[in-house]
Every structure is written in C-alpha cells, then in structure tokens.
Amino acid sequence: MANGTYVRRAYVHAVYEGHDISELMNKYLENASFTDVASGESDSLSVTVRDDEHLWMDAWYPQKGDRIRALIKYKNWDRDDDIADVNMGSYQIDDVTLKGRPTTAMIGGAARPQNNAFANENRTKTWEATNVRQIAEQIAGTVGVPVQYLADEISIASIEQTDQTDCDFLYRMCQSYGLGVKIYEDEIFIFDEESIETGKVAGTYHEDDLLSWNYNTTMAGTYTGAVFSFTDPDTEQDLKVTIGGGDRILNINITADNIQDAERKGIAKLNDTNKKATTLTISTRANPYMVAGLVMEIDGIGKASGKYYAERVVTKISGNGASTQRVTMRKVVPRIKDVYVAAVDEAKSEAATGGTYTVKKGDTLWAIAKEKLGAGSRYAEIYNLNKNLIEETAKSHGKKSSDNGHWIWAGEVLTLPAK
C-alpha cells in the first residue's frame, strides 16, 4: 500500500479438461481477453502465453474441442486484501495460433454447449403448431442443456429452418420477435430485451470513471417508421401495415402466421434496425460486476448522458495483473410500437406502380425485368425499388448482401416500376 492506496490486480484461474492450470497460466501469461455479449453470438475467450521453452507448442499443445473453464480473481478491489471471484464460464477451444519470435501461443475458445452439432451441423426442418419456448427446449434437449425462458409465450403456426445450424436458427428466430439469446455455463437463456431496457438501472458511470469514451449518433441506416404489405391467411385480405411514421421509412418483408404475428415481427425488425442510432463505447478500469445485458446510467458527458444498454463487454488482463474493460453500449430510447393497418386498394396500388411480382425458385431480376418490363436491363429499377427488402432477405439467408440483387429468394414480393 502506498500513500493510503492499494494496488488492484486481476489474475486468471483456469481449469483445462478438469485440470487446474492456473499457476502455469499466470506464469506464462502475456494477456487474456474475455468477450461477453448480451445476445446474438457466443461469448469468447482469447489467451496468449509466452512459449520460450516450447511447452505449449508441444507437450501442452491445446486440442480443439477441449474445454477450458475460467474465472477472474480480482484482488484489492474494494479494499486492501479484498478478493472478488467472477465466473467467466466454460469455453470450447476452437482456435490455436503459434507465433515466433518471440514464441507465443494464442488459445481461442467460444462458449457453446459441448455437443458440436448445435453450432456446426446444418439442418432443414419445418416446425409446426408450437411456440418459441418449445422450439428452444427441443433444440436444447438435443445437446443436453437446459433453457431459462424469460419472456412472453409466442405461438408459432409454422416456421422453416432451412439449411441452418440450430444455433443460428435459434438466434434468428428469437431476434425476429425482439428476444435475446445468451449461452452461459452450458445453459440457454432467452429473454425480452425491452423488459431489460425499461427495468432497473444496474449502476452509474461518471465521466471521471472513464479512461476514454466515444459517442456517436446518426440518422444513417435508422428509421422513424416501417411499412410492409401482408396477406392475412385467415381472411385472405391484402393489408398494408405501417409502424410509426415520419419521413424515414423502412420497407420490410414479413412472413407471418397472422396479423398479430406480423405486427410483432415488424415492430421487432424496426427497433432492431434502430439499435445503432446512438452508441457509446467506453474504456475503464475493469469492474468485476460489469456484464453484458445490464442497463447503466452514464453521467457527466453532456447531451450524451443517459441510460445505455451494454451490448458487449471485453475484459482484458495483462501478465502483470493490470485489467481494463471496453464496453460497447446503445442508448435506451422508447421503442416505436404504434401500428396502423389498412386494406390495400389494389386498383390504386397497381396504377401507381407496375404492380407486384412474387419471386419463384430460379428467378433472376434480369429475367423478371425482361418478362414484366420488356427489358432485362431494367433490373436495376426493380432492385432500387425493393433494395431494403432484397438486402434484408439476403441477410436472413446468411448472406452478407444480395450482391446488388444477384441473390433473391422464392416468396419475396417485389414491387415493380411502372412500364
């Protein structure tokens, strides 16, 4: 202790395939990084160790698929001789990198169930007469892990899992309903993100707590409302559904069981798109109690102050015991939920545009433009008129983009330009 203060230190406690390797880990540790994500992807671990003696590259070489359990031991955190143990969970090793010189070994892992089928085997299946909880429990049952379901019951008449891993399908299904998915300690948690956003604030960061920070607010890629067309399967009536309003309108495509299902998915899609509207990234000395999924108050940064939802927490520990955190947040704002449903005036809609076309298997925008507009070269007009729909559908099928309309899928309802 110096000048009445105490030095905070953090150390990694690790168990590899049931063997405690904490002493070895900290003896050779260069740095360790733990990434905690609120929803949408697996938590991850990255550890770099010195290997001057060539132990890690030979006798101690880590095998992909092995399990490593880790916790961080924080010492002298709230007072001298105080110790706080934070369980970081269990990870499956999926990446090993050796480098020289100096010789180092990097071990990477992801938090996922031990059964590799969950994240590595693609499946095609139709789920019928079920709900989100039951689908999650069936998927979890195949890999032998429990589910904690912390949301409203959401009925599903039919949903397709098309050439997707159970992991990807579960994430995307829950995202379409505004739900988050978190895998921790071989358990799957499903929760309502909005209920967390509107719940209790976990704590406060003041400006002088921050080592650095970066705030951004933008209109680019964010919207004041959304609109989509939907044919109610119960009444066979064509409907136009508008969520919110204003002049920045997102055109989306919704496949749903009924109008209530469509409204819920539309609200979730619009608000998910708007998550990047106002973001804040902060760097701080590590806080043992900071985890992704908490709502924090940020104070002392002027107009940027307010409530923020922590989407990602990266905790880094160096070989000398120093520790920092980088927290990526989004500002909590009221969700856009106002919905207006109106019957589509088909004659008026057809006159204003060239009507609509439902994509069939094997279709291309060039072929559609040639058949419907008389010239394949007009494919760009169709793409530009339906850009949001085409891009979002491509992403829902695992593509980074549609490649300017190259990728389209059966069932997409395209608005055609006037001839």
Protein backbone atom coordinates (compact mmCIF):
# COMPACT_ATOMS: atom_id res chain seq x y z
CA MET A 1 0.00 0.00 0.00
CA ALA A 2 1.37 3.43 -0.94
CA ASN A 3 0.05 6.84 0.20
CA GLY A 4 -3.04 5.22 1.68
CA THR A 5 -3.99 3.45 -1.56
CA TYR A 6 -3.86 -0.18 -2.58
CA VAL A 7 -2.93 -1.69 -5.95
CA ARG A 8 -5.67 -3.58 -7.75
CA ARG A 9 -4.69 -6.76 -9.57
CA ALA A 10 -6.53 -9.40 -11.58
CA TYR A 11 -5.49 -12.98 -12.30
CA VAL A 12 -6.88 -15.81 -14.40
CA HIS A 13 -7.94 -19.02 -12.68
CA ALA A 14 -8.29 -21.75 -15.32
CA VAL A 15 -9.30 -25.41 -15.35
CA TYR A 16 -8.42 -27.29 -18.54
CA GLU A 17 -10.25 -30.59 -19.10
CA GLY A 18 -10.62 -30.92 -15.34
CA HIS A 19 -7.01 -29.98 -14.51
CA ASP A 20 -6.19 -26.76 -12.66
CA ILE A 21 -3.62 -24.90 -14.81
CA SER A 22 -3.92 -21.53 -13.04
CA GLU A 23 -0.31 -21.44 -11.83
CA LEU A 24 1.07 -22.30 -15.27
CA MET A 25 -1.34 -19.92 -16.99
CA ASN A 26 -0.31 -16.92 -14.91
CA LYS A 27 3.41 -17.82 -15.03
CA TYR A 28 3.45 -17.59 -18.83
CA LEU A 29 0.52 -15.21 -19.41
CA GLU A 30 1.00 -12.37 -21.87
CA ASN A 31 -2.65 -11.34 -21.91
CA ALA A 32 -6.16 -12.70 -21.70
CA SER A 33 -9.32 -11.30 -23.21
CA PHE A 34 -12.90 -12.28 -22.33
CA THR A 35 -15.70 -11.07 -24.61
CA ASP A 36 -19.16 -11.08 -23.02
CA VAL A 37 -22.01 -10.50 -25.49
CA ALA A 38 -25.60 -9.73 -24.48
CA SER A 39 -27.16 -11.63 -27.41
CA GLY A 40 -26.63 -12.77 -30.97
CA GLU A 41 -23.29 -14.56 -30.74
CA SER A 42 -21.26 -16.70 -28.37
CA ASP A 43 -19.07 -15.31 -25.61
CA SER A 44 -15.41 -15.89 -26.38
CA LEU A 45 -12.01 -16.27 -24.77
CA SER A 46 -8.56 -15.45 -26.13
CA VAL A 47 -5.41 -16.19 -24.14
CA THR A 48 -1.84 -15.52 -25.28
CA VAL A 49 1.04 -17.15 -23.39
CA ARG A 50 4.82 -16.94 -23.76
CA ASP A 51 6.38 -20.16 -25.02
CA ASP A 52 10.14 -19.64 -24.90
CA GLU A 53 10.51 -23.20 -23.56
CA HIS A 54 8.35 -24.62 -26.39
CA LEU A 55 5.99 -26.27 -23.93
CA TRP A 56 2.69 -25.00 -25.30
CA MET A 57 3.61 -25.93 -28.85
CA ASP A 58 4.50 -29.49 -27.83
CA ALA A 59 3.63 -31.25 -24.56
CA TRP A 60 0.99 -28.70 -23.56
CA TYR A 61 -0.42 -28.19 -27.04
CA PRO A 62 -4.16 -27.40 -26.68
CA GLN A 63 -6.56 -29.58 -28.63
CA LYS A 64 -9.51 -28.12 -30.49
CA GLY A 65 -12.73 -29.29 -28.88
CA ASP A 66 -11.27 -29.41 -25.36
CA ARG A 67 -12.97 -27.40 -22.62
CA ILE A 68 -11.48 -24.66 -20.51
CA ARG A 69 -13.30 -23.11 -17.56
CA ALA A 70 -12.15 -19.71 -16.39
CA LEU A 71 -12.74 -17.19 -13.66
CA ILE A 72 -11.06 -13.90 -12.87
CA LYS A 73 -9.73 -13.31 -9.35
CA TYR A 74 -9.78 -9.59 -8.59
CA LYS A 75 -7.59 -8.64 -5.62
CA ASN A 76 -7.67 -5.43 -3.54
CA TRP A 77 -10.74 -4.23 -5.43
CA ASP A 78 -12.88 -2.50 -2.84
CA ARG A 79 -10.30 -2.54 -0.06
CA ASP A 80 -6.88 -3.96 0.78
CA ASP A 81 -6.81 -7.79 0.81
CA ASP A 82 -10.30 -7.93 -0.71
CA ILE A 83 -10.85 -10.70 -3.29
CA ALA A 84 -13.70 -10.96 -5.81
CA ASP A 85 -14.07 -14.09 -7.93
CA VAL A 86 -16.01 -13.66 -11.19
CA ASN A 87 -17.00 -16.79 -13.10
CA MET A 88 -16.40 -16.22 -16.82
CA GLY A 89 -17.93 -19.57 -17.81
CA SER A 90 -16.84 -22.55 -19.87
CA TYR A 91 -15.38 -22.38 -23.38
CA GLN A 92 -14.72 -24.89 -26.13
CA ILE A 93 -11.29 -24.39 -27.73
CA ASP A 94 -11.76 -23.71 -31.43
CA ASP A 95 -8.65 -21.77 -32.46
CA VAL A 96 -4.92 -22.21 -31.82
CA THR A 97 -2.20 -19.92 -33.21
CA LEU A 98 1.56 -20.33 -32.68
CA LYS A 99 3.96 -17.45 -33.45
CA GLY A 100 7.67 -16.73 -33.26
CA ARG A 101 9.86 -14.88 -32.40
CA PRO A 102 9.35 -14.34 -29.53
CA THR A 103 7.47 -17.62 -29.36
CA THR A 104 3.86 -17.34 -28.22
CA ALA A 105 0.73 -19.46 -28.29
CA MET A 106 -2.76 -18.00 -28.65
CA ILE A 107 -5.69 -20.12 -27.48
CA GLY A 108 -9.20 -19.12 -28.58
CA GLY A 109 -12.50 -20.54 -27.42
CA ALA A 110 -16.24 -19.98 -27.61
CA ALA A 111 -18.97 -20.50 -25.03
CA ARG A 112 -21.24 -23.12 -26.53
CA PRO A 113 -22.70 -26.49 -25.47
CA GLN A 114 -20.29 -29.43 -25.61
CA ASN A 115 -22.32 -31.11 -28.37
CA ASN A 116 -20.78 -29.78 -31.61
CA ALA A 117 -23.98 -30.35 -33.60
CA PHE A 118 -25.55 -27.23 -32.05
CA ALA A 119 -23.21 -24.83 -33.86
CA ASN A 120 -21.72 -26.94 -36.66
CA GLU A 121 -24.41 -29.09 -38.30
CA ASN A 122 -26.89 -27.54 -40.72
CA ARG A 123 -30.45 -28.83 -40.62
CA THR A 124 -33.64 -28.32 -42.58
CA LYS A 125 -36.87 -28.71 -40.67
CA THR A 126 -40.43 -27.38 -40.55
CA TRP A 127 -41.65 -26.53 -37.06
CA GLU A 128 -45.45 -26.55 -36.77
CA ALA A 129 -48.10 -25.84 -34.11
CA THR A 130 -45.57 -24.83 -31.49
CA ASN A 131 -44.12 -21.78 -29.73
CA VAL A 132 -40.73 -20.16 -29.21
CA ARG A 133 -40.19 -21.80 -25.80
CA GLN A 134 -40.95 -25.29 -27.12
CA ILE A 135 -38.63 -24.87 -30.11
CA ALA A 136 -35.83 -23.67 -27.81
CA GLU A 137 -36.39 -26.57 -25.41
CA GLN A 138 -36.36 -29.13 -28.22
CA ILE A 139 -33.13 -27.71 -29.66
CA ALA A 140 -31.54 -27.55 -26.21
CA GLY A 141 -32.68 -31.09 -25.50
CA THR A 142 -30.71 -32.44 -28.47
CA VAL A 143 -27.48 -31.11 -26.94
CA GLY A 144 -28.40 -31.86 -23.34
CA VAL A 145 -28.63 -28.35 -21.88
CA PRO A 146 -31.48 -26.60 -20.02
CA VAL A 147 -33.37 -23.46 -21.11
CA GLN A 148 -34.29 -20.48 -18.98
CA TYR A 149 -37.15 -18.75 -20.81
CA LEU A 150 -37.80 -15.21 -19.53
CA ALA A 151 -40.33 -13.80 -21.98
CA ASP A 152 -43.98 -13.95 -23.04
CA GLU A 153 -45.23 -17.11 -24.72
CA ILE A 154 -45.16 -16.61 -28.50
CA SER A 155 -47.19 -19.05 -30.59
CA ILE A 156 -45.96 -20.16 -34.00
CA ALA A 157 -48.16 -21.96 -36.53
CA SER A 158 -45.27 -22.77 -38.86
CA ILE A 159 -41.62 -21.76 -39.29
CA GLU A 160 -38.88 -23.07 -41.57
CA GLN A 161 -35.37 -23.91 -40.50
CA THR A 162 -33.62 -24.00 -43.87
CA ASP A 163 -30.05 -25.33 -44.04
CA GLN A 164 -29.14 -23.63 -40.76
CA THR A 165 -27.42 -24.77 -37.60
CA ASP A 166 -29.66 -24.94 -34.54
CA CYS A 167 -27.58 -22.14 -33.05
CA ASP A 168 -28.10 -19.75 -35.99
CA PHE A 169 -31.76 -20.65 -36.33
CA LEU A 170 -32.45 -20.06 -32.65
CA TYR A 171 -30.69 -16.68 -32.68
CA ARG A 172 -32.54 -15.51 -35.82
CA MET A 173 -35.96 -16.76 -34.69
CA CYS A 174 -35.66 -15.01 -31.34
CA GLN A 175 -34.32 -11.83 -32.96
CA SER A 176 -37.38 -11.72 -35.24
CA TYR A 177 -39.56 -11.45 -32.11
CA GLY A 178 -37.38 -8.97 -30.21
CA LEU A 179 -35.91 -11.62 -27.92
CA GLY A 180 -32.30 -12.07 -26.89
CA VAL A 181 -30.39 -15.36 -26.59
CA LYS A 182 -27.47 -15.90 -24.22
CA ILE A 183 -25.47 -19.09 -23.69
CA TYR A 184 -23.71 -19.27 -20.34
CA GLU A 185 -22.41 -22.22 -18.34
CA ASP A 186 -24.00 -24.73 -20.75
CA GLU A 187 -27.42 -23.15 -20.31
CA ILE A 188 -29.50 -21.22 -22.85
CA PHE A 189 -31.20 -18.04 -21.63
CA ILE A 190 -33.96 -16.42 -23.71
CA PHE A 191 -35.18 -13.01 -22.60
CA ASP A 192 -37.21 -9.98 -23.65
CA GLU A 193 -34.75 -7.17 -24.43
CA GLU A 194 -37.35 -4.44 -23.97
CA SER A 195 -38.15 -5.58 -20.42
CA ILE A 196 -34.46 -5.18 -19.54
CA GLU A 197 -34.26 -1.75 -21.22
CA THR A 198 -37.20 -0.49 -19.19
CA GLY A 199 -36.13 -2.20 -15.97
CA LYS A 200 -33.84 -1.21 -13.14
CA VAL A 201 -30.60 0.64 -13.80
CA ALA A 202 -27.70 -1.50 -12.54
CA GLY A 203 -25.26 1.32 -11.80
CA THR A 204 -23.68 4.58 -12.91
CA TYR A 205 -20.50 5.51 -14.73
CA HIS A 206 -19.37 9.09 -14.19
CA GLU A 207 -17.17 10.81 -16.73
CA ASP A 208 -14.19 10.72 -14.39
CA ASP A 209 -14.57 6.91 -14.16
CA LEU A 210 -13.76 6.62 -17.85
CA LEU A 211 -10.28 6.23 -19.33
CA SER A 212 -11.70 7.15 -22.74
CA TRP A 213 -15.05 7.25 -24.49
CA ASN A 214 -16.55 7.63 -27.94
CA TYR A 215 -20.16 8.74 -28.55
CA ASN A 216 -21.96 8.68 -31.89
CA THR A 217 -25.50 9.43 -33.00
CA THR A 218 -26.58 9.10 -36.60
CA MET A 219 -29.58 9.11 -38.90
CA ALA A 220 -27.84 6.88 -41.44
CA GLY A 221 -29.45 3.45 -41.53
CA THR A 222 -32.05 4.36 -38.91
CA TYR A 223 -35.76 4.95 -39.41
CA THR A 224 -38.77 6.73 -37.93
CA GLY A 225 -41.15 4.07 -39.19
CA ALA A 226 -41.61 0.95 -41.27
CA VAL A 227 -44.13 -0.32 -43.79
CA PHE A 228 -44.90 -3.71 -45.29
CA SER A 229 -47.68 -5.48 -47.17
CA PHE A 230 -49.20 -8.61 -45.73
CA THR A 231 -51.92 -11.02 -46.82
CA ASP A 232 -53.83 -12.21 -43.80
CA PRO A 233 -54.10 -16.02 -44.17
CA ASP A 234 -57.27 -16.03 -42.07
CA THR A 235 -59.21 -13.56 -44.25
CA GLU A 236 -57.08 -13.59 -47.44
CA GLN A 237 -57.25 -9.80 -47.31
CA ASP A 238 -54.30 -7.75 -48.56
CA LEU A 239 -53.19 -5.34 -45.85
CA LYS A 240 -50.72 -2.50 -45.58
CA VAL A 241 -49.11 -2.33 -42.16
CA THR A 242 -47.45 0.91 -41.01
CA ILE A 243 -45.36 1.14 -37.84
CA GLY A 244 -44.51 4.60 -36.56
CA GLY A 245 -44.36 7.38 -39.16
CA GLY A 246 -42.22 10.27 -40.30
CA ASP A 247 -40.14 10.61 -43.45
CA ARG A 248 -37.51 7.88 -42.94
CA ILE A 249 -39.47 4.73 -43.68
CA LEU A 250 -38.03 1.23 -43.77
CA ASN A 251 -39.61 -1.13 -46.31
CA ILE A 252 -39.53 -4.63 -44.90
CA ASN A 253 -40.75 -8.10 -45.81
CA ILE A 254 -42.64 -10.12 -43.21
CA THR A 255 -43.65 -13.77 -43.31
CA ALA A 256 -46.10 -14.40 -40.50
CA ASP A 257 -48.92 -16.66 -39.30
CA ASN A 258 -51.45 -13.87 -38.79
CA ILE A 259 -51.70 -10.10 -38.47
CA GLN A 260 -50.73 -10.11 -34.77
CA ASP A 261 -47.66 -12.18 -35.58
CA ALA A 262 -46.80 -9.81 -38.44
CA GLU A 263 -47.16 -6.74 -36.23
CA ARG A 264 -44.87 -8.18 -33.58
CA LYS A 265 -42.22 -9.13 -36.12
CA GLY A 266 -42.48 -5.73 -37.83
CA ILE A 267 -42.03 -3.86 -34.54
CA ALA A 268 -39.06 -6.07 -33.64
CA LYS A 269 -37.45 -5.55 -37.06
CA LEU A 270 -37.78 -1.76 -37.00
CA ASN A 271 -36.43 -1.39 -33.48
CA ASP A 272 -33.60 -3.86 -34.09
CA THR A 273 -32.55 -1.79 -37.12
CA ASN A 274 -32.55 1.37 -34.99
CA LYS A 275 -30.24 -0.01 -32.29
CA LYS A 276 -27.26 1.68 -33.94
CA ALA A 277 -28.88 5.13 -33.83
CA THR A 278 -26.98 6.26 -30.72
CA THR A 279 -23.97 4.34 -29.46
CA LEU A 280 -21.31 4.81 -26.81
CA THR A 281 -18.06 2.92 -26.30
CA ILE A 282 -16.22 3.40 -23.02
CA SER A 283 -12.89 2.16 -21.68
CA THR A 284 -12.49 1.82 -17.94
CA ARG A 285 -10.53 0.03 -15.29
CA ALA A 286 -12.14 -3.38 -15.00
CA ASN A 287 -15.28 -3.60 -12.90
CA PRO A 288 -15.85 -7.16 -11.60
CA TYR A 289 -19.60 -6.64 -11.65
CA MET A 290 -19.96 -5.27 -15.19
CA VAL A 291 -21.52 -7.75 -17.63
CA ALA A 292 -23.28 -7.51 -20.97
CA GLY A 293 -27.04 -7.08 -20.76
CA LEU A 294 -27.02 -4.52 -17.96
CA VAL A 295 -28.57 -1.06 -18.24
CA MET A 296 -26.19 1.60 -16.96
CA GLU A 297 -26.53 5.33 -16.34
CA ILE A 298 -23.80 7.46 -17.92
CA ASP A 299 -23.31 10.83 -16.24
CA GLY A 300 -21.20 13.90 -16.93
CA ILE A 301 -20.90 13.80 -20.74
CA GLY A 302 -23.47 16.47 -21.53
CA LYS A 303 -26.18 15.65 -24.06
CA ALA A 304 -24.67 12.19 -24.45
CA SER A 305 -25.51 11.32 -20.83
CA GLY A 306 -28.38 8.93 -20.15
CA LYS A 307 -29.38 5.28 -19.93
CA TYR A 308 -27.42 2.78 -22.00
CA TYR A 309 -27.78 -0.96 -22.64
CA ALA A 310 -24.45 -2.82 -22.56
CA GLU A 311 -24.23 -5.00 -25.67
CA ARG A 312 -20.62 -6.15 -25.34
CA VAL A 313 -18.05 -6.17 -22.52
CA VAL A 314 -14.44 -7.04 -23.30
CA THR A 315 -12.29 -7.61 -20.22
CA LYS A 316 -8.53 -7.69 -20.77
CA ILE A 317 -5.91 -8.87 -18.28
CA SER A 318 -2.17 -8.49 -18.77
CA GLY A 319 0.56 -10.70 -17.40
CA ASN A 320 1.35 -8.20 -14.62
CA GLY A 321 -2.23 -8.26 -13.30
CA ALA A 322 -3.45 -4.97 -14.79
CA SER A 323 -7.01 -5.10 -16.14
CA THR A 324 -9.27 -2.93 -18.28
CA GLN A 325 -12.70 -3.17 -19.84
CA ARG A 326 -14.13 -1.90 -23.09
CA VAL A 327 -17.93 -1.64 -23.05
CA THR A 328 -19.99 -1.14 -26.20
CA MET A 329 -23.43 0.32 -25.46
CA ARG A 330 -26.52 1.65 -27.19
CA LYS A 331 -28.71 4.38 -25.80
CA VAL A 332 -32.05 3.26 -24.42
CA VAL A 333 -34.90 5.06 -26.17
CA PRO A 334 -38.65 4.34 -26.25
CA ARG A 335 -39.39 1.66 -28.84
CA ILE A 336 -41.56 2.54 -31.83
CA LYS A 337 -44.68 0.43 -31.40
CA ASP A 338 -47.60 2.38 -32.93
CA VAL A 339 -49.19 0.23 -35.63
CA TYR A 340 -51.72 1.19 -38.30
CA VAL A 341 -53.28 -1.49 -40.51
CA ALA A 342 -55.26 -0.65 -43.65
CA ALA A 343 -56.71 -2.68 -46.51
CA VAL A 344 -54.77 -2.26 -49.73
CA ASP A 345 -56.66 -0.58 -52.58
CA GLU A 346 -55.47 -2.97 -55.30
CA ALA A 347 -56.57 -0.88 -58.26
CA LYS A 348 -54.88 2.25 -56.87
CA SER A 349 -51.74 0.30 -55.99
CA GLU A 350 -51.50 -1.26 -59.46
CA ALA A 351 -51.97 2.10 -61.19
CA ALA A 352 -49.30 3.85 -59.12
CA THR A 353 -46.67 1.20 -59.91
CA GLY A 354 -46.29 -1.74 -62.20
CA GLY A 355 -47.92 -3.97 -59.60
CA THR A 356 -46.13 -6.68 -57.67
CA TYR A 357 -44.39 -9.93 -58.51
CA THR A 358 -43.81 -12.91 -56.22
CA VAL A 359 -40.40 -14.45 -56.81
CA LYS A 360 -40.33 -18.10 -57.83
CA LYS A 361 -37.45 -20.55 -57.49
CA GLY A 362 -34.89 -19.95 -60.23
CA ASP A 363 -35.94 -16.35 -60.92
CA THR A 364 -33.41 -13.56 -61.52
CA LEU A 365 -34.03 -9.83 -61.53
CA TRP A 366 -32.89 -9.69 -65.18
CA ALA A 367 -35.44 -12.35 -66.18
CA ILE A 368 -38.21 -10.65 -64.20
CA ALA A 369 -37.42 -7.28 -65.79
CA LYS A 370 -37.40 -8.81 -69.26
CA GLU A 371 -40.74 -10.57 -68.73
CA LYS A 372 -42.61 -7.85 -66.85
CA LEU A 373 -40.99 -4.64 -68.14
CA GLY A 374 -39.89 -5.69 -71.60
CA ALA A 375 -36.14 -5.18 -71.00
CA GLY A 376 -33.77 -7.15 -68.79
CA SER A 377 -31.59 -4.06 -68.45
CA ARG A 378 -34.30 -2.54 -66.23
CA TYR A 379 -33.41 -5.00 -63.47
CA ALA A 380 -31.69 -2.17 -61.55
CA GLU A 381 -35.01 -0.30 -61.29
CA ILE A 382 -36.57 -3.33 -59.59
CA TYR A 383 -33.57 -3.65 -57.27
CA ASN A 384 -33.60 0.03 -56.28
CA LEU A 385 -37.35 -0.03 -55.66
CA ASN A 386 -37.02 -3.08 -53.40
CA LYS A 387 -33.47 -2.63 -52.06
CA ASN A 388 -34.31 -2.84 -48.34
CA LEU A 389 -36.45 -5.94 -48.81
CA ILE A 390 -33.89 -7.72 -51.02
CA GLU A 391 -30.95 -6.94 -48.72
CA GLU A 392 -32.76 -7.94 -45.53
CA THR A 393 -33.92 -11.22 -47.08
CA ALA A 394 -30.39 -11.98 -48.24
CA LYS A 395 -29.07 -11.41 -44.72
CA SER A 396 -31.80 -13.63 -43.27
CA HIS A 397 -30.44 -16.42 -45.51
CA GLY A 398 -26.90 -15.96 -44.21
CA LYS A 399 -25.54 -13.73 -46.99
CA LYS A 400 -23.59 -10.55 -46.26
CA SER A 401 -25.53 -8.81 -49.03
CA SER A 402 -27.60 -9.62 -52.12
CA ASP A 403 -24.68 -8.61 -54.38
CA ASN A 404 -26.85 -5.89 -55.96
CA GLY A 405 -29.82 -8.19 -56.44
CA HIS A 406 -27.97 -11.32 -57.55
CA TRP A 407 -29.41 -13.23 -54.60
CA ILE A 408 -33.21 -13.32 -54.41
CA TRP A 409 -35.45 -15.98 -52.89
CA ALA A 410 -38.77 -17.57 -53.67
CA GLY A 411 -41.60 -15.87 -51.80
CA GLU A 412 -40.23 -12.33 -51.94
CA VAL A 413 -42.97 -9.94 -53.08
CA LEU A 414 -41.34 -7.31 -55.30
CA THR A 415 -42.89 -4.01 -56.24
CA LEU A 416 -42.44 -3.39 -59.97
CA PRO A 417 -41.84 0.02 -61.53
CA ALA A 418 -44.40 1.42 -63.96
CA LYS A 419 -43.89 0.29 -67.56
